[in-house]
N, C-alpha and C. Protein backbone atom coordinates (compact mmCIF):
# COMPACT_ATOMS: atom_id res chain seq x y z
N MET A 1 -3.26 -27.33 -18.32
CA MET A 1 -4.44 -26.59 -17.88
C MET A 1 -5.37 -26.30 -19.06
N VAL A 2 -6.66 -26.28 -18.80
CA VAL A 2 -7.63 -25.97 -19.84
C VAL A 2 -7.71 -24.45 -20.00
N PRO A 3 -7.49 -23.93 -21.22
CA PRO A 3 -7.56 -22.48 -21.41
C PRO A 3 -8.91 -21.93 -20.99
N ILE A 4 -8.86 -20.76 -20.39
CA ILE A 4 -10.12 -20.13 -19.96
C ILE A 4 -10.62 -19.29 -21.12
N ASN A 5 -11.26 -19.94 -22.07
CA ASN A 5 -11.63 -19.21 -23.29
C ASN A 5 -13.12 -19.22 -23.57
N THR A 6 -13.89 -19.69 -22.63
CA THR A 6 -15.34 -19.66 -22.80
C THR A 6 -15.99 -19.22 -21.50
N GLU A 7 -17.17 -18.65 -21.64
CA GLU A 7 -17.90 -18.22 -20.45
C GLU A 7 -18.26 -19.41 -19.57
N ARG A 8 -18.52 -20.55 -20.22
CA ARG A 8 -18.86 -21.75 -19.44
C ARG A 8 -17.68 -22.18 -18.59
N THR A 9 -16.48 -22.15 -19.18
CA THR A 9 -15.28 -22.52 -18.42
C THR A 9 -15.06 -21.58 -17.26
N LYS A 10 -15.23 -20.29 -17.48
CA LYS A 10 -15.06 -19.31 -16.41
C LYS A 10 -16.06 -19.56 -15.29
N THR A 11 -17.30 -19.83 -15.65
CA THR A 11 -18.33 -20.10 -14.65
C THR A 11 -17.97 -21.33 -13.82
N GLN A 12 -17.43 -22.35 -14.49
CA GLN A 12 -17.05 -23.58 -13.79
C GLN A 12 -15.89 -23.32 -12.83
N LEU A 13 -14.93 -22.52 -13.26
CA LEU A 13 -13.78 -22.22 -12.41
C LEU A 13 -14.20 -21.38 -11.20
N ILE A 14 -15.06 -20.44 -11.42
CA ILE A 14 -15.54 -19.61 -10.31
C ILE A 14 -16.24 -20.48 -9.27
N ALA A 15 -17.05 -21.41 -9.74
CA ALA A 15 -17.74 -22.32 -8.82
C ALA A 15 -16.74 -23.22 -8.10
N ALA A 16 -15.70 -23.67 -8.82
CA ALA A 16 -14.72 -24.58 -8.24
C ALA A 16 -13.86 -23.90 -7.18
N LEU A 17 -13.77 -22.59 -7.21
CA LEU A 17 -13.01 -21.87 -6.18
C LEU A 17 -13.67 -21.99 -4.81
N ALA A 18 -14.90 -22.43 -4.79
CA ALA A 18 -15.62 -22.64 -3.53
C ALA A 18 -15.75 -24.13 -3.20
N ALA A 19 -14.95 -24.97 -3.85
CA ALA A 19 -15.00 -26.41 -3.59
C ALA A 19 -14.64 -26.73 -2.15
N ASP A 20 -15.10 -27.85 -1.67
CA ASP A 20 -14.87 -28.23 -0.27
C ASP A 20 -13.40 -28.52 0.03
N THR A 21 -12.68 -29.06 -0.94
CA THR A 21 -11.29 -29.45 -0.69
C THR A 21 -10.32 -28.35 -1.11
N ALA A 22 -9.33 -28.10 -0.25
CA ALA A 22 -8.35 -27.06 -0.54
C ALA A 22 -7.52 -27.40 -1.77
N SER A 23 -7.24 -28.69 -1.99
CA SER A 23 -6.43 -29.08 -3.14
C SER A 23 -7.11 -28.71 -4.45
N THR A 24 -8.44 -28.85 -4.48
CA THR A 24 -9.19 -28.47 -5.68
C THR A 24 -9.11 -26.97 -5.88
N ARG A 25 -9.30 -26.21 -4.81
CA ARG A 25 -9.25 -24.75 -4.92
C ARG A 25 -7.86 -24.29 -5.35
N LEU A 26 -6.84 -24.98 -4.86
CA LEU A 26 -5.46 -24.63 -5.22
C LEU A 26 -5.25 -24.81 -6.72
N LYS A 27 -5.71 -25.94 -7.26
CA LYS A 27 -5.56 -26.20 -8.69
C LYS A 27 -6.32 -25.17 -9.53
N VAL A 28 -7.48 -24.79 -9.05
CA VAL A 28 -8.27 -23.81 -9.79
C VAL A 28 -7.57 -22.45 -9.79
N ALA A 29 -7.05 -22.05 -8.65
CA ALA A 29 -6.33 -20.78 -8.59
C ALA A 29 -5.12 -20.79 -9.52
N LEU A 30 -4.44 -21.93 -9.58
CA LEU A 30 -3.30 -22.08 -10.49
C LEU A 30 -3.75 -21.94 -11.94
N ALA A 31 -4.87 -22.58 -12.27
CA ALA A 31 -5.38 -22.50 -13.64
C ALA A 31 -5.73 -21.06 -14.01
N ILE A 32 -6.37 -20.36 -13.09
CA ILE A 32 -6.76 -18.97 -13.37
C ILE A 32 -5.52 -18.10 -13.55
N GLY A 33 -4.52 -18.30 -12.69
CA GLY A 33 -3.31 -17.52 -12.80
C GLY A 33 -2.52 -17.84 -14.06
N THR A 34 -2.55 -19.09 -14.48
CA THR A 34 -1.83 -19.48 -15.69
C THR A 34 -2.42 -18.81 -16.93
N ASP A 35 -3.72 -18.71 -16.96
CA ASP A 35 -4.39 -18.07 -18.10
C ASP A 35 -4.39 -16.55 -17.98
N ALA A 36 -4.41 -16.05 -16.74
CA ALA A 36 -4.36 -14.60 -16.48
C ALA A 36 -5.43 -13.83 -17.25
N ASP A 37 -6.68 -14.15 -16.98
CA ASP A 37 -7.80 -13.47 -17.63
C ASP A 37 -8.29 -12.33 -16.74
N PRO A 38 -8.18 -11.08 -17.20
CA PRO A 38 -8.63 -9.94 -16.39
C PRO A 38 -10.10 -10.02 -15.99
N ALA A 39 -10.87 -10.78 -16.74
CA ALA A 39 -12.30 -10.90 -16.42
C ALA A 39 -12.54 -11.57 -15.08
N LEU A 40 -11.51 -12.26 -14.55
CA LEU A 40 -11.65 -12.96 -13.28
C LEU A 40 -11.02 -12.18 -12.12
N LEU A 41 -10.67 -10.93 -12.36
CA LEU A 41 -10.08 -10.10 -11.30
C LEU A 41 -10.98 -10.03 -10.08
N GLU A 42 -12.23 -9.71 -10.28
CA GLU A 42 -13.16 -9.55 -9.17
C GLU A 42 -13.32 -10.85 -8.39
N THR A 43 -13.38 -11.94 -9.11
CA THR A 43 -13.50 -13.25 -8.48
C THR A 43 -12.30 -13.54 -7.58
N LEU A 44 -11.10 -13.27 -8.07
CA LEU A 44 -9.89 -13.52 -7.30
C LEU A 44 -9.83 -12.66 -6.04
N VAL A 45 -10.14 -11.39 -6.18
CA VAL A 45 -10.09 -10.50 -5.03
C VAL A 45 -11.12 -10.90 -3.99
N ASP A 46 -12.32 -11.20 -4.43
CA ASP A 46 -13.37 -11.61 -3.49
C ASP A 46 -12.99 -12.88 -2.75
N ARG A 47 -12.41 -13.83 -3.47
CA ARG A 47 -12.04 -15.10 -2.83
C ARG A 47 -10.93 -14.91 -1.82
N CYS A 48 -10.01 -13.99 -2.09
CA CYS A 48 -8.93 -13.71 -1.14
C CYS A 48 -9.47 -13.34 0.23
N GLY A 49 -10.59 -12.65 0.24
CA GLY A 49 -11.14 -12.17 1.50
C GLY A 49 -11.78 -13.23 2.36
N ILE A 50 -12.05 -14.40 1.79
CA ILE A 50 -12.75 -15.44 2.55
C ILE A 50 -12.06 -16.79 2.52
N GLU A 51 -11.02 -16.95 1.70
CA GLU A 51 -10.35 -18.24 1.56
C GLU A 51 -9.66 -18.64 2.87
N PRO A 52 -9.99 -19.82 3.43
CA PRO A 52 -9.43 -20.21 4.72
C PRO A 52 -8.03 -20.83 4.67
N ASP A 53 -7.62 -21.32 3.50
CA ASP A 53 -6.35 -22.03 3.41
C ASP A 53 -5.21 -21.11 2.99
N PHE A 54 -4.11 -21.14 3.75
CA PHE A 54 -2.98 -20.25 3.47
C PHE A 54 -2.41 -20.46 2.07
N TYR A 55 -2.21 -21.71 1.67
CA TYR A 55 -1.59 -22.01 0.38
C TYR A 55 -2.48 -21.59 -0.78
N VAL A 56 -3.77 -21.75 -0.61
CA VAL A 56 -4.69 -21.30 -1.65
C VAL A 56 -4.65 -19.78 -1.75
N ARG A 57 -4.63 -19.10 -0.61
CA ARG A 57 -4.54 -17.64 -0.64
C ARG A 57 -3.28 -17.18 -1.35
N ASP A 58 -2.19 -17.89 -1.10
CA ASP A 58 -0.93 -17.52 -1.74
C ASP A 58 -1.02 -17.71 -3.26
N MET A 59 -1.71 -18.75 -3.70
CA MET A 59 -1.89 -18.97 -5.12
C MET A 59 -2.81 -17.92 -5.73
N LEU A 60 -3.82 -17.52 -4.98
CA LEU A 60 -4.70 -16.45 -5.45
C LEU A 60 -3.92 -15.16 -5.62
N THR A 61 -3.02 -14.88 -4.68
CA THR A 61 -2.17 -13.70 -4.80
C THR A 61 -1.31 -13.78 -6.05
N TRP A 62 -0.72 -14.97 -6.27
CA TRP A 62 0.10 -15.15 -7.47
C TRP A 62 -0.73 -14.90 -8.73
N ALA A 63 -1.94 -15.41 -8.75
CA ALA A 63 -2.81 -15.20 -9.90
C ALA A 63 -3.08 -13.71 -10.13
N LEU A 64 -3.26 -12.98 -9.05
CA LEU A 64 -3.50 -11.54 -9.17
C LEU A 64 -2.27 -10.80 -9.71
N THR A 65 -1.09 -11.25 -9.30
CA THR A 65 0.13 -10.59 -9.79
C THR A 65 0.35 -10.84 -11.28
N ARG A 66 -0.34 -11.80 -11.83
CA ARG A 66 -0.21 -12.10 -13.26
C ARG A 66 -1.07 -11.18 -14.12
N LEU A 67 -1.96 -10.44 -13.48
CA LEU A 67 -2.83 -9.53 -14.21
C LEU A 67 -2.19 -8.14 -14.31
N PRO A 68 -2.63 -7.31 -15.25
CA PRO A 68 -2.05 -5.97 -15.41
C PRO A 68 -2.22 -5.13 -14.14
N PRO A 69 -1.13 -4.53 -13.64
CA PRO A 69 -1.23 -3.69 -12.44
C PRO A 69 -2.23 -2.54 -12.58
N ASP A 70 -2.40 -2.04 -13.79
CA ASP A 70 -3.36 -0.95 -13.98
C ASP A 70 -4.77 -1.38 -13.58
N LEU A 71 -5.03 -2.67 -13.63
CA LEU A 71 -6.34 -3.18 -13.20
C LEU A 71 -6.33 -3.61 -11.74
N THR A 72 -5.27 -4.32 -11.35
CA THR A 72 -5.25 -4.91 -10.01
C THR A 72 -5.02 -3.89 -8.91
N VAL A 73 -4.13 -2.95 -9.12
CA VAL A 73 -3.79 -2.02 -8.03
C VAL A 73 -5.00 -1.21 -7.57
N PRO A 74 -5.76 -0.56 -8.46
CA PRO A 74 -6.95 0.18 -7.99
C PRO A 74 -7.95 -0.71 -7.27
N ARG A 75 -8.13 -1.94 -7.77
CA ARG A 75 -9.11 -2.84 -7.13
C ARG A 75 -8.63 -3.27 -5.75
N LEU A 76 -7.34 -3.53 -5.61
CA LEU A 76 -6.80 -3.92 -4.30
C LEU A 76 -6.85 -2.76 -3.32
N LEU A 77 -6.61 -1.57 -3.81
CA LEU A 77 -6.69 -0.40 -2.93
C LEU A 77 -8.12 -0.21 -2.42
N ALA A 78 -9.08 -0.45 -3.27
CA ALA A 78 -10.48 -0.34 -2.85
C ALA A 78 -10.79 -1.37 -1.77
N GLU A 79 -10.13 -2.53 -1.83
CA GLU A 79 -10.37 -3.60 -0.86
C GLU A 79 -9.89 -3.21 0.54
N LEU A 80 -9.03 -2.21 0.65
CA LEU A 80 -8.54 -1.77 1.96
C LEU A 80 -9.65 -1.15 2.82
N ASP A 81 -10.77 -0.85 2.19
CA ASP A 81 -11.92 -0.31 2.94
C ASP A 81 -12.88 -1.41 3.39
N SER A 82 -12.52 -2.67 3.13
CA SER A 82 -13.40 -3.78 3.49
C SER A 82 -13.56 -3.90 5.00
N ASP A 83 -14.71 -4.38 5.42
CA ASP A 83 -14.96 -4.64 6.84
C ASP A 83 -14.26 -5.92 7.31
N ARG A 84 -13.85 -6.76 6.39
CA ARG A 84 -13.20 -8.03 6.74
C ARG A 84 -11.69 -7.83 6.84
N SER A 85 -11.13 -8.16 7.98
CA SER A 85 -9.69 -7.97 8.18
C SER A 85 -8.89 -8.84 7.21
N GLN A 86 -9.36 -10.04 6.92
CA GLN A 86 -8.62 -10.89 5.98
C GLN A 86 -8.59 -10.27 4.60
N ALA A 87 -9.66 -9.66 4.19
CA ALA A 87 -9.69 -9.01 2.88
C ALA A 87 -8.65 -7.90 2.82
N ARG A 88 -8.56 -7.13 3.90
CA ARG A 88 -7.59 -6.03 3.92
C ARG A 88 -6.16 -6.55 3.95
N SER A 89 -5.91 -7.55 4.80
CA SER A 89 -4.54 -8.06 4.92
C SER A 89 -4.09 -8.74 3.63
N GLN A 90 -4.99 -9.47 2.99
CA GLN A 90 -4.61 -10.16 1.76
C GLN A 90 -4.41 -9.18 0.62
N ALA A 91 -5.21 -8.12 0.58
CA ALA A 91 -5.01 -7.08 -0.44
C ALA A 91 -3.64 -6.42 -0.25
N LEU A 92 -3.29 -6.15 0.99
CA LEU A 92 -1.98 -5.56 1.28
C LEU A 92 -0.85 -6.50 0.92
N HIS A 93 -1.04 -7.78 1.23
CA HIS A 93 -0.03 -8.77 0.88
C HIS A 93 0.20 -8.80 -0.63
N THR A 94 -0.89 -8.75 -1.39
CA THR A 94 -0.77 -8.77 -2.84
C THR A 94 -0.11 -7.49 -3.35
N LEU A 95 -0.47 -6.36 -2.76
CA LEU A 95 0.17 -5.10 -3.15
C LEU A 95 1.67 -5.13 -2.89
N SER A 96 2.07 -5.80 -1.81
CA SER A 96 3.50 -5.90 -1.52
C SER A 96 4.22 -6.73 -2.57
N LYS A 97 3.53 -7.71 -3.14
CA LYS A 97 4.12 -8.55 -4.19
C LYS A 97 4.20 -7.79 -5.52
N ILE A 98 3.22 -6.95 -5.77
CA ILE A 98 3.22 -6.18 -7.01
C ILE A 98 4.25 -5.04 -6.94
N GLY A 99 4.33 -4.39 -5.78
CA GLY A 99 5.34 -3.36 -5.58
C GLY A 99 5.13 -2.09 -6.39
N ASP A 100 3.89 -1.74 -6.64
CA ASP A 100 3.57 -0.56 -7.45
C ASP A 100 3.49 0.68 -6.56
N VAL A 101 4.26 1.70 -6.90
CA VAL A 101 4.34 2.90 -6.06
C VAL A 101 3.01 3.64 -5.97
N ARG A 102 2.10 3.34 -6.85
CA ARG A 102 0.79 3.99 -6.79
C ARG A 102 0.01 3.61 -5.53
N ALA A 103 0.46 2.57 -4.86
CA ALA A 103 -0.19 2.17 -3.61
C ALA A 103 0.30 2.99 -2.42
N TRP A 104 1.35 3.76 -2.58
CA TRP A 104 1.95 4.47 -1.46
C TRP A 104 0.98 5.40 -0.72
N PRO A 105 0.17 6.21 -1.40
CA PRO A 105 -0.73 7.11 -0.67
C PRO A 105 -1.67 6.39 0.29
N ALA A 106 -1.93 5.12 0.05
CA ALA A 106 -2.83 4.36 0.94
C ALA A 106 -2.14 3.91 2.21
N MET A 107 -0.80 4.02 2.27
CA MET A 107 -0.05 3.54 3.44
C MET A 107 -0.05 4.61 4.54
N THR A 108 -1.21 4.88 5.07
CA THR A 108 -1.39 5.93 6.05
C THR A 108 -0.97 5.46 7.45
N PRO A 109 -0.69 6.40 8.36
CA PRO A 109 -0.39 6.00 9.74
C PRO A 109 -1.49 5.15 10.36
N GLY A 110 -2.73 5.43 10.01
CA GLY A 110 -3.83 4.63 10.54
C GLY A 110 -3.77 3.19 10.08
N LEU A 111 -3.46 2.99 8.81
CA LEU A 111 -3.35 1.64 8.29
C LEU A 111 -2.14 0.92 8.88
N LEU A 112 -1.03 1.64 9.01
CA LEU A 112 0.20 1.04 9.54
C LEU A 112 0.11 0.73 11.03
N SER A 113 -0.93 1.24 11.67
CA SER A 113 -1.15 0.92 13.09
C SER A 113 -2.51 0.26 13.29
N ASP A 114 -3.00 -0.41 12.25
CA ASP A 114 -4.30 -1.07 12.31
C ASP A 114 -4.37 -1.96 13.56
N PRO A 115 -5.49 -1.96 14.27
CA PRO A 115 -5.61 -2.78 15.48
C PRO A 115 -5.44 -4.27 15.24
N ASP A 116 -5.74 -4.73 14.04
CA ASP A 116 -5.58 -6.15 13.72
C ASP A 116 -4.11 -6.41 13.37
N ASP A 117 -3.47 -7.29 14.09
CA ASP A 117 -2.04 -7.54 13.88
C ASP A 117 -1.72 -8.01 12.47
N GLU A 118 -2.57 -8.87 11.91
CA GLU A 118 -2.28 -9.38 10.57
C GLU A 118 -2.40 -8.29 9.52
N VAL A 119 -3.35 -7.40 9.69
CA VAL A 119 -3.48 -6.27 8.76
C VAL A 119 -2.27 -5.36 8.90
N ALA A 120 -1.87 -5.07 10.13
CA ALA A 120 -0.72 -4.20 10.35
C ALA A 120 0.55 -4.81 9.76
N ARG A 121 0.76 -6.09 10.00
CA ARG A 121 1.97 -6.75 9.46
C ARG A 121 1.99 -6.68 7.94
N ALA A 122 0.85 -6.93 7.32
CA ALA A 122 0.79 -6.86 5.86
C ALA A 122 1.02 -5.43 5.38
N ALA A 123 0.51 -4.46 6.14
CA ALA A 123 0.71 -3.06 5.77
C ALA A 123 2.18 -2.67 5.87
N TRP A 124 2.88 -3.17 6.87
CA TRP A 124 4.31 -2.86 6.99
C TRP A 124 5.07 -3.38 5.79
N ARG A 125 4.78 -4.61 5.39
CA ARG A 125 5.46 -5.19 4.23
C ARG A 125 5.12 -4.42 2.95
N ALA A 126 3.85 -4.09 2.80
CA ALA A 126 3.44 -3.37 1.59
C ALA A 126 4.08 -1.99 1.53
N ALA A 127 4.09 -1.29 2.65
CA ALA A 127 4.66 0.06 2.67
C ALA A 127 6.14 0.03 2.32
N GLU A 128 6.85 -0.94 2.86
CA GLU A 128 8.28 -1.05 2.56
C GLU A 128 8.50 -1.33 1.08
N ALA A 129 7.56 -2.06 0.46
CA ALA A 129 7.71 -2.45 -0.94
C ALA A 129 7.38 -1.32 -1.90
N VAL A 130 6.55 -0.36 -1.48
CA VAL A 130 6.09 0.68 -2.42
C VAL A 130 6.55 2.09 -2.05
N VAL A 131 7.31 2.23 -0.98
CA VAL A 131 7.73 3.57 -0.57
C VAL A 131 8.57 4.23 -1.67
N PRO A 132 8.24 5.47 -2.05
CA PRO A 132 9.03 6.16 -3.07
C PRO A 132 10.42 6.50 -2.55
N GLU A 133 11.36 6.56 -3.44
CA GLU A 133 12.73 6.89 -3.07
C GLU A 133 12.77 8.27 -2.40
N GLY A 134 13.44 8.35 -1.28
CA GLY A 134 13.55 9.59 -0.54
C GLY A 134 12.59 9.71 0.63
N LEU A 135 11.61 8.81 0.69
CA LEU A 135 10.63 8.86 1.78
C LEU A 135 10.82 7.70 2.77
N GLU A 136 11.94 7.01 2.66
CA GLU A 136 12.18 5.89 3.55
C GLU A 136 12.26 6.32 5.02
N ARG A 137 12.86 7.45 5.26
CA ARG A 137 12.98 7.93 6.65
C ARG A 137 11.61 8.25 7.24
N ASP A 138 10.74 8.86 6.44
CA ASP A 138 9.39 9.16 6.92
C ASP A 138 8.64 7.88 7.28
N LEU A 139 8.78 6.87 6.42
CA LEU A 139 8.13 5.60 6.70
C LEU A 139 8.70 4.97 7.96
N ALA A 140 10.00 5.02 8.11
CA ALA A 140 10.64 4.43 9.30
C ALA A 140 10.15 5.11 10.57
N GLU A 141 9.96 6.40 10.54
CA GLU A 141 9.47 7.12 11.72
C GLU A 141 8.08 6.63 12.10
N THR A 142 7.23 6.39 11.10
CA THR A 142 5.88 5.90 11.37
C THR A 142 5.93 4.47 11.90
N LEU A 143 6.75 3.63 11.27
CA LEU A 143 6.85 2.24 11.73
C LEU A 143 7.40 2.16 13.15
N ALA A 144 8.28 3.06 13.51
CA ALA A 144 8.88 3.03 14.84
C ALA A 144 7.86 3.26 15.95
N THR A 145 6.72 3.84 15.61
CA THR A 145 5.68 4.02 16.63
C THR A 145 5.09 2.68 17.07
N GLN A 146 5.40 1.62 16.31
CA GLN A 146 4.86 0.30 16.62
C GLN A 146 5.85 -0.58 17.38
N PHE A 147 7.00 -0.04 17.76
CA PHE A 147 7.96 -0.81 18.54
C PHE A 147 7.31 -1.37 19.80
N GLY A 148 7.57 -2.63 20.08
CA GLY A 148 7.04 -3.27 21.28
C GLY A 148 5.68 -3.87 21.13
N ARG A 149 5.09 -3.74 19.94
CA ARG A 149 3.74 -4.24 19.71
C ARG A 149 3.73 -5.75 19.54
N GLY A 150 2.76 -6.41 20.13
CA GLY A 150 2.47 -7.81 19.86
C GLY A 150 3.51 -8.80 20.34
N GLY A 151 3.34 -10.03 19.85
CA GLY A 151 4.25 -11.11 20.21
C GLY A 151 5.45 -11.15 19.28
N ARG A 152 6.18 -12.27 19.34
CA ARG A 152 7.43 -12.39 18.60
C ARG A 152 7.25 -12.26 17.10
N GLU A 153 6.23 -12.91 16.54
CA GLU A 153 6.04 -12.86 15.09
C GLU A 153 5.73 -11.45 14.62
N VAL A 154 4.91 -10.75 15.38
CA VAL A 154 4.57 -9.37 15.03
C VAL A 154 5.81 -8.49 15.11
N GLN A 155 6.56 -8.63 16.19
CA GLN A 155 7.76 -7.82 16.35
C GLN A 155 8.79 -8.14 15.28
N ARG A 156 8.92 -9.40 14.94
CA ARG A 156 9.87 -9.79 13.89
C ARG A 156 9.48 -9.15 12.55
N SER A 157 8.19 -9.13 12.26
CA SER A 157 7.72 -8.52 11.02
C SER A 157 8.07 -7.04 10.95
N LEU A 158 7.88 -6.35 12.07
CA LEU A 158 8.20 -4.93 12.10
C LEU A 158 9.70 -4.72 11.89
N SER A 159 10.50 -5.52 12.57
CA SER A 159 11.96 -5.39 12.44
C SER A 159 12.39 -5.62 10.99
N ARG A 160 11.83 -6.62 10.35
CA ARG A 160 12.19 -6.90 8.96
C ARG A 160 11.83 -5.75 8.04
N ALA A 161 10.64 -5.17 8.25
CA ALA A 161 10.23 -4.04 7.41
C ALA A 161 11.16 -2.85 7.61
N LEU A 162 11.55 -2.61 8.85
CA LEU A 162 12.46 -1.49 9.13
C LEU A 162 13.83 -1.74 8.52
N ILE A 163 14.35 -2.93 8.71
CA ILE A 163 15.69 -3.24 8.20
C ILE A 163 15.74 -3.13 6.68
N ALA A 164 14.65 -3.46 6.02
CA ALA A 164 14.60 -3.37 4.56
C ALA A 164 14.75 -1.93 4.08
N LEU A 165 14.50 -0.96 4.96
CA LEU A 165 14.63 0.45 4.59
C LEU A 165 16.07 0.94 4.63
N GLY A 166 16.95 0.13 5.22
CA GLY A 166 18.37 0.48 5.20
C GLY A 166 18.84 1.33 6.37
N THR A 167 19.96 1.98 6.16
CA THR A 167 20.63 2.70 7.25
C THR A 167 19.88 3.94 7.72
N VAL A 168 18.86 4.35 7.01
CA VAL A 168 18.09 5.52 7.45
C VAL A 168 17.45 5.27 8.81
N ILE A 169 17.35 4.01 9.21
CA ILE A 169 16.68 3.71 10.48
C ILE A 169 17.63 3.84 11.68
N GLU A 170 18.92 3.98 11.45
CA GLU A 170 19.88 3.97 12.56
C GLU A 170 19.58 5.02 13.63
N PRO A 171 19.38 6.30 13.28
CA PRO A 171 19.08 7.28 14.34
C PRO A 171 17.74 7.04 15.02
N ILE A 172 16.81 6.45 14.30
CA ILE A 172 15.50 6.14 14.87
C ILE A 172 15.65 5.02 15.90
N LEU A 173 16.47 4.04 15.58
CA LEU A 173 16.72 2.95 16.52
C LEU A 173 17.40 3.47 17.78
N LYS A 174 18.39 4.33 17.61
CA LYS A 174 19.13 4.84 18.78
C LYS A 174 18.21 5.62 19.71
N ARG A 175 17.28 6.37 19.11
CA ARG A 175 16.33 7.11 19.94
C ARG A 175 15.43 6.15 20.71
N ALA A 176 14.97 5.10 20.03
CA ALA A 176 14.08 4.13 20.67
C ALA A 176 14.79 3.34 21.77
N LEU A 177 16.10 3.20 21.65
CA LEU A 177 16.86 2.47 22.67
C LEU A 177 16.76 3.13 24.04
N HIS A 178 16.50 4.42 24.04
CA HIS A 178 16.41 5.16 25.30
C HIS A 178 14.97 5.39 25.73
N SER A 179 14.07 4.63 25.15
CA SER A 179 12.66 4.74 25.53
C SER A 179 12.47 4.34 27.00
N GLY A 180 11.52 4.98 27.63
CA GLY A 180 11.21 4.61 29.01
C GLY A 180 10.48 3.29 29.11
N ASP A 181 10.05 2.77 27.97
CA ASP A 181 9.35 1.49 27.94
C ASP A 181 10.37 0.40 27.64
N PRO A 182 10.64 -0.50 28.57
CA PRO A 182 11.67 -1.52 28.34
C PRO A 182 11.35 -2.46 27.18
N VAL A 183 10.06 -2.68 26.90
CA VAL A 183 9.68 -3.55 25.79
C VAL A 183 10.04 -2.88 24.46
N VAL A 184 9.76 -1.60 24.36
CA VAL A 184 10.13 -0.83 23.17
C VAL A 184 11.63 -0.81 22.98
N ALA A 185 12.35 -0.55 24.07
CA ALA A 185 13.80 -0.49 23.99
C ALA A 185 14.41 -1.83 23.59
N ALA A 186 13.88 -2.90 24.14
CA ALA A 186 14.39 -4.22 23.81
C ALA A 186 14.11 -4.56 22.35
N HIS A 187 12.94 -4.19 21.85
CA HIS A 187 12.60 -4.44 20.46
C HIS A 187 13.54 -3.65 19.54
N ALA A 188 13.80 -2.40 19.90
CA ALA A 188 14.71 -1.58 19.10
C ALA A 188 16.12 -2.15 19.13
N ALA A 189 16.56 -2.63 20.29
CA ALA A 189 17.90 -3.20 20.41
C ALA A 189 18.03 -4.46 19.55
N ALA A 190 16.99 -5.28 19.55
CA ALA A 190 17.01 -6.49 18.73
C ALA A 190 17.04 -6.14 17.25
N THR A 191 16.31 -5.10 16.87
CA THR A 191 16.30 -4.66 15.48
C THR A 191 17.67 -4.12 15.08
N GLU A 192 18.30 -3.39 15.98
CA GLU A 192 19.63 -2.87 15.70
C GLU A 192 20.62 -4.00 15.49
N ARG A 193 20.51 -5.02 16.30
CA ARG A 193 21.42 -6.16 16.16
C ARG A 193 21.21 -6.85 14.81
N LEU A 194 19.96 -6.99 14.41
CA LEU A 194 19.66 -7.62 13.12
C LEU A 194 20.13 -6.75 11.96
N LEU A 195 20.07 -5.45 12.13
CA LEU A 195 20.57 -4.55 11.08
C LEU A 195 22.07 -4.74 10.89
N GLN A 196 22.78 -4.92 11.99
CA GLN A 196 24.22 -5.11 11.93
C GLN A 196 24.60 -6.51 11.48
N ASP A 197 23.76 -7.48 11.84
CA ASP A 197 24.04 -8.88 11.48
C ASP A 197 22.74 -9.53 11.02
N PRO A 198 22.43 -9.42 9.71
CA PRO A 198 21.16 -9.95 9.20
C PRO A 198 20.97 -11.44 9.42
N ASP A 199 22.07 -12.16 9.64
CA ASP A 199 21.95 -13.61 9.85
C ASP A 199 21.65 -13.98 11.30
N ALA A 200 21.67 -13.00 12.19
CA ALA A 200 21.39 -13.27 13.60
C ALA A 200 19.92 -13.67 13.77
N ALA A 201 19.66 -14.53 14.72
CA ALA A 201 18.28 -14.96 14.99
C ALA A 201 17.57 -13.90 15.83
N PHE A 202 16.29 -13.70 15.57
CA PHE A 202 15.54 -12.65 16.26
C PHE A 202 15.33 -12.96 17.72
N GLU A 203 14.93 -14.19 18.02
CA GLU A 203 14.60 -14.55 19.40
C GLU A 203 15.78 -14.33 20.36
N PRO A 204 16.98 -14.83 20.04
CA PRO A 204 18.12 -14.56 20.93
C PRO A 204 18.42 -13.08 21.05
N ALA A 205 18.20 -12.33 19.98
CA ALA A 205 18.46 -10.89 20.02
C ALA A 205 17.54 -10.20 21.02
N VAL A 206 16.29 -10.60 21.03
CA VAL A 206 15.34 -10.02 21.98
C VAL A 206 15.71 -10.41 23.41
N LYS A 207 16.03 -11.66 23.61
CA LYS A 207 16.38 -12.12 24.96
C LYS A 207 17.62 -11.40 25.49
N GLU A 208 18.60 -11.22 24.62
CA GLU A 208 19.81 -10.53 25.04
C GLU A 208 19.52 -9.07 25.36
N ALA A 209 18.69 -8.44 24.54
CA ALA A 209 18.32 -7.05 24.80
C ALA A 209 17.58 -6.92 26.13
N LYS A 210 16.68 -7.84 26.41
CA LYS A 210 15.95 -7.79 27.68
C LYS A 210 16.90 -8.00 28.85
N ARG A 211 17.88 -8.89 28.67
CA ARG A 211 18.84 -9.13 29.75
C ARG A 211 19.63 -7.86 30.06
N ILE A 212 20.04 -7.18 29.01
CA ILE A 212 20.82 -5.95 29.21
C ILE A 212 20.02 -4.92 30.00
N PHE A 213 18.76 -4.73 29.58
CA PHE A 213 17.96 -3.72 30.26
C PHE A 213 17.55 -4.16 31.66
N ALA A 214 17.40 -5.46 31.85
CA ALA A 214 17.01 -5.97 33.16
C ALA A 214 18.08 -5.73 34.20
N VAL A 215 19.33 -5.85 33.83
CA VAL A 215 20.41 -5.64 34.79
C VAL A 215 20.78 -4.17 34.93
N GLY A 216 20.09 -3.33 34.16
CA GLY A 216 20.27 -1.90 34.35
C GLY A 216 21.47 -1.29 33.66
N THR A 217 22.09 -2.02 32.75
CA THR A 217 23.22 -1.42 32.05
C THR A 217 22.79 -0.45 31.00
N GLY A 218 21.60 -0.70 30.43
CA GLY A 218 21.06 0.20 29.43
C GLY A 218 21.96 0.24 28.21
N ARG A 219 21.74 1.27 27.38
CA ARG A 219 22.54 1.46 26.18
C ARG A 219 22.91 2.92 26.10
N GLN A 220 24.12 3.22 25.80
CA GLN A 220 24.54 4.59 25.61
C GLN A 220 24.67 4.85 24.11
N GLY A 221 24.13 5.96 23.66
CA GLY A 221 24.15 6.23 22.22
C GLY A 221 25.53 6.50 21.69
């Protein structure tokens, strides 16, 4: 890679991040991350909000994680106020990779229940990554309000975030199992099964939970 040691090189790289081909943008993001120049922080964050290619976005995130957290974390937190859902979700995704506890105050109930599924999923991952020790139960209670939300991928994301919090979720799961909403109860049952057997597949767990509730056997705590 060519070192980013001149203003001309930086200008060229910034322009190349908007190239027509994703492969070119990917190489540029790699070059920026390899050099890790804080002067390109703003460029990286801005591009995350509009980059259409998943792999390029992932490389942009990697490049951001190579910069000092004292610079990246405040800038990413500011991005959570963006009007663009992709900007918010990508900022959250990057915060989850950095894992800096200073992001915790931003993990509000409103953000964790964002109407946009991708933003909410990214927020769940970020919150699990930055929650301070001793507050896992509080986070689990907030995440549990999202039981039954969305399709399989959304539900799987929520289950994974909850399971990552550990055994503190057990009483929360048992309470949700008795929900009057069968979708919520089935989601909680599937999460409980995954907690007990992390290698179990999510889809069969959901189907089995729905079968149990459909035949009226329910679950006894």
